[in-house]
Amino acid sequence: MFEEVGVKVKEKMDYVRNTSFKLDNGREVIDIVFLCEFENGEPFAKSPEEVDAVFWMSTDEIVNHPKAPIWLTDSIKEAEALLKVKTY
């Protein structure tokens, strides 16, 4: 997280899922999703070759956003389901 967006997360992380797919521009992506808790830092696109922009959004905002890709909404839904059974 720090390498790409300049924020630190707490050490404890839970694996959510991984997927691979091609973007519309043909680039291949391996997406590994972990549930973690923010520790500190101010987010920004620290690695612009990998991150276009950073947004803080709720699960509902992401799932209902008209431009949210299916791989993102699926990952967020799974992370939200895991969060409901975890205690941090």
C-alpha atoms as a PDB file:
ATOM      1  CA  MET A   1       0.000   0.000   0.000  1.00  0.00           C
ATOM      2  CA  PHE A   2       2.727   2.456   0.924  1.00  0.00           C
ATOM      3  CA  GLU A   3       4.663   1.763  -2.278  1.00  0.00           C
ATOM      4  CA  GLU A   4       1.723   2.546  -4.557  1.00  0.00           C
ATOM      5  CA  VAL A   5      -0.497   5.015  -2.678  1.00  0.00           C
ATOM      6  CA  GLY A   6       1.553   6.302   0.265  1.00  0.00           C
ATOM      7  CA  VAL A   7      -0.505   4.929   3.147  1.00  0.00           C
ATOM      8  CA  LYS A   8       0.368   2.420   5.819  1.00  0.00           C
ATOM      9  CA  VAL A   9      -1.995  -0.288   7.001  1.00  0.00           C
ATOM     10  CA  LYS A  10      -1.927  -2.278  10.213  1.00  0.00           C
ATOM     11  CA  GLU A  11       0.025  -5.520  10.124  1.00  0.00           C
ATOM     12  CA  LYS A  12      -2.987  -7.849  10.353  1.00  0.00           C
ATOM     13  CA  MET A  13      -4.487  -8.584   6.941  1.00  0.00           C
ATOM     14  CA  ASP A  14      -6.996 -11.151   5.748  1.00  0.00           C
ATOM     15  CA  TYR A  15      -6.940 -12.631   2.266  1.00  0.00           C
ATOM     16  CA  VAL A  16     -10.189 -11.976   0.365  1.00  0.00           C
ATOM     17  CA  ARG A  17      -9.621 -13.265  -3.179  1.00  0.00           C
ATOM     18  CA  ASN A  18      -7.495 -13.094  -6.296  1.00  0.00           C
ATOM     19  CA  THR A  19      -8.480 -12.747  -9.927  1.00  0.00           C
ATOM     20  CA  SER A  20      -6.769 -12.182 -13.251  1.00  0.00           C
ATOM     21  CA  PHE A  21      -8.191 -10.437 -16.289  1.00  0.00           C
ATOM     22  CA  LYS A  22      -7.417  -8.162 -19.223  1.00  0.00           C
ATOM     23  CA  LEU A  23      -8.270  -4.487 -19.240  1.00  0.00           C
ATOM     24  CA  ASP A  24      -9.970  -2.867 -22.229  1.00  0.00           C
ATOM     25  CA  ASN A  25      -6.547  -1.684 -23.413  1.00  0.00           C
ATOM     26  CA  GLY A  26      -5.246  -5.290 -23.422  1.00  0.00           C
ATOM     27  CA  ARG A  27      -3.066  -5.001 -20.295  1.00  0.00           C
ATOM     28  CA  GLU A  28      -3.126  -8.105 -18.123  1.00  0.00           C
ATOM     29  CA  VAL A  29      -3.900  -7.699 -14.438  1.00  0.00           C
ATOM     30  CA  ILE A  30      -3.452  -9.944 -11.426  1.00  0.00           C
ATOM     31  CA  ASP A  31      -5.639  -8.560  -8.657  1.00  0.00           C
ATOM     32  CA  ILE A  32      -4.966  -9.829  -5.125  1.00  0.00           C
ATOM     33  CA  VAL A  33      -7.352  -8.443  -2.525  1.00  0.00           C
ATOM     34  CA  PHE A  34      -6.739  -8.256   1.225  1.00  0.00           C
ATOM     35  CA  LEU A  35      -8.917  -6.821   3.961  1.00  0.00           C
ATOM     36  CA  CYS A  36      -6.836  -4.512   6.119  1.00  0.00           C
ATOM     37  CA  GLU A  37      -7.149  -1.536   8.422  1.00  0.00           C
ATOM     38  CA  PHE A  38      -5.770   1.938   7.654  1.00  0.00           C
ATOM     39  CA  GLU A  39      -2.977   3.077   9.976  1.00  0.00           C
ATOM     40  CA  ASN A  40      -1.729   6.429   8.667  1.00  0.00           C
ATOM     41  CA  GLY A  41      -0.677   8.510   5.692  1.00  0.00           C
ATOM     42  CA  GLU A  42      -2.263  10.736   3.078  1.00  0.00           C
ATOM     43  CA  PRO A  43      -3.196   8.746  -0.043  1.00  0.00           C
ATOM     44  CA  PHE A  44      -1.961   9.847  -3.460  1.00  0.00           C
ATOM     45  CA  ALA A  45      -0.973   8.183  -6.741  1.00  0.00           C
ATOM     46  CA  LYS A  46       2.621   7.554  -5.640  1.00  0.00           C
ATOM     47  CA  SER A  47       3.184   5.032  -8.422  1.00  0.00           C
ATOM     48  CA  PRO A  48       1.422   6.674 -11.412  1.00  0.00           C
ATOM     49  CA  GLU A  49       2.441   3.882 -13.789  1.00  0.00           C
ATOM     50  CA  GLU A  50       0.266   1.561 -11.665  1.00  0.00           C
ATOM     51  CA  VAL A  51      -2.261   3.917 -10.010  1.00  0.00           C
ATOM     52  CA  ASP A  52      -4.175   6.598 -11.930  1.00  0.00           C
ATOM     53  CA  ALA A  53      -5.950   8.129  -8.930  1.00  0.00           C
ATOM     54  CA  VAL A  54      -6.970   7.413  -5.337  1.00  0.00           C
ATOM     55  CA  PHE A  55     -10.538   7.728  -4.039  1.00  0.00           C
ATOM     56  CA  TRP A  56     -12.006   7.095  -0.555  1.00  0.00           C
ATOM     57  CA  MET A  57     -15.422   5.529  -1.154  1.00  0.00           C
ATOM     58  CA  SER A  58     -17.867   3.428   0.824  1.00  0.00           C
ATOM     59  CA  THR A  59     -18.954  -0.034  -0.298  1.00  0.00           C
ATOM     60  CA  ASP A  60     -22.293   1.362  -1.465  1.00  0.00           C
ATOM     61  CA  GLU A  61     -20.636   4.174  -3.409  1.00  0.00           C
ATOM     62  CA  ILE A  62     -18.384   1.712  -5.228  1.00  0.00           C
ATOM     63  CA  VAL A  63     -21.022  -0.927  -5.917  1.00  0.00           C
ATOM     64  CA  ASN A  64     -23.468   1.684  -7.241  1.00  0.00           C
ATOM     65  CA  HIS A  65     -20.966   3.721  -9.254  1.00  0.00           C
ATOM     66  CA  PRO A  66     -21.781   3.501 -12.981  1.00  0.00           C
ATOM     67  CA  LYS A  67     -18.100   3.258 -13.955  1.00  0.00           C
ATOM     68  CA  ALA A  68     -17.068   0.637 -11.383  1.00  0.00           C
ATOM     69  CA  PRO A  69     -15.826  -2.477 -13.203  1.00  0.00           C
ATOM     70  CA  ILE A  70     -17.318  -5.840 -12.257  1.00  0.00           C
ATOM     71  CA  TRP A  71     -13.998  -7.164 -10.903  1.00  0.00           C
ATOM     72  CA  LEU A  72     -13.886  -4.255  -8.448  1.00  0.00           C
ATOM     73  CA  THR A  73     -17.493  -4.516  -7.302  1.00  0.00           C
ATOM     74  CA  ASP A  74     -17.150  -8.280  -6.821  1.00  0.00           C
ATOM     75  CA  SER A  75     -13.981  -7.813  -4.742  1.00  0.00           C
ATOM     76  CA  ILE A  76     -15.562  -5.092  -2.627  1.00  0.00           C
ATOM     77  CA  LYS A  77     -18.655  -7.216  -1.966  1.00  0.00           C
ATOM     78  CA  GLU A  78     -16.494 -10.144  -0.840  1.00  0.00           C
ATOM     79  CA  ALA A  79     -14.368  -7.899   1.391  1.00  0.00           C
ATOM     80  CA  GLU A  80     -17.520  -6.404   2.928  1.00  0.00           C
ATOM     81  CA  ALA A  81     -18.907  -9.882   3.645  1.00  0.00           C
ATOM     82  CA  LEU A  82     -15.626 -10.887   5.329  1.00  0.00           C
ATOM     83  CA  LEU A  83     -15.579  -7.644   7.327  1.00  0.00           C
ATOM     84  CA  LYS A  84     -18.999  -8.458   8.770  1.00  0.00           C
ATOM     85  CA  VAL A  85     -17.701 -11.694  10.319  1.00  0.00           C
ATOM     86  CA  LYS A  86     -14.286 -10.371  11.425  1.00  0.00           C
ATOM     87  CA  THR A  87     -13.515  -8.443  14.570  1.00  0.00           C
ATOM     88  CA  TYR A  88     -10.611  -6.030  14.498  1.00  0.00           C
END
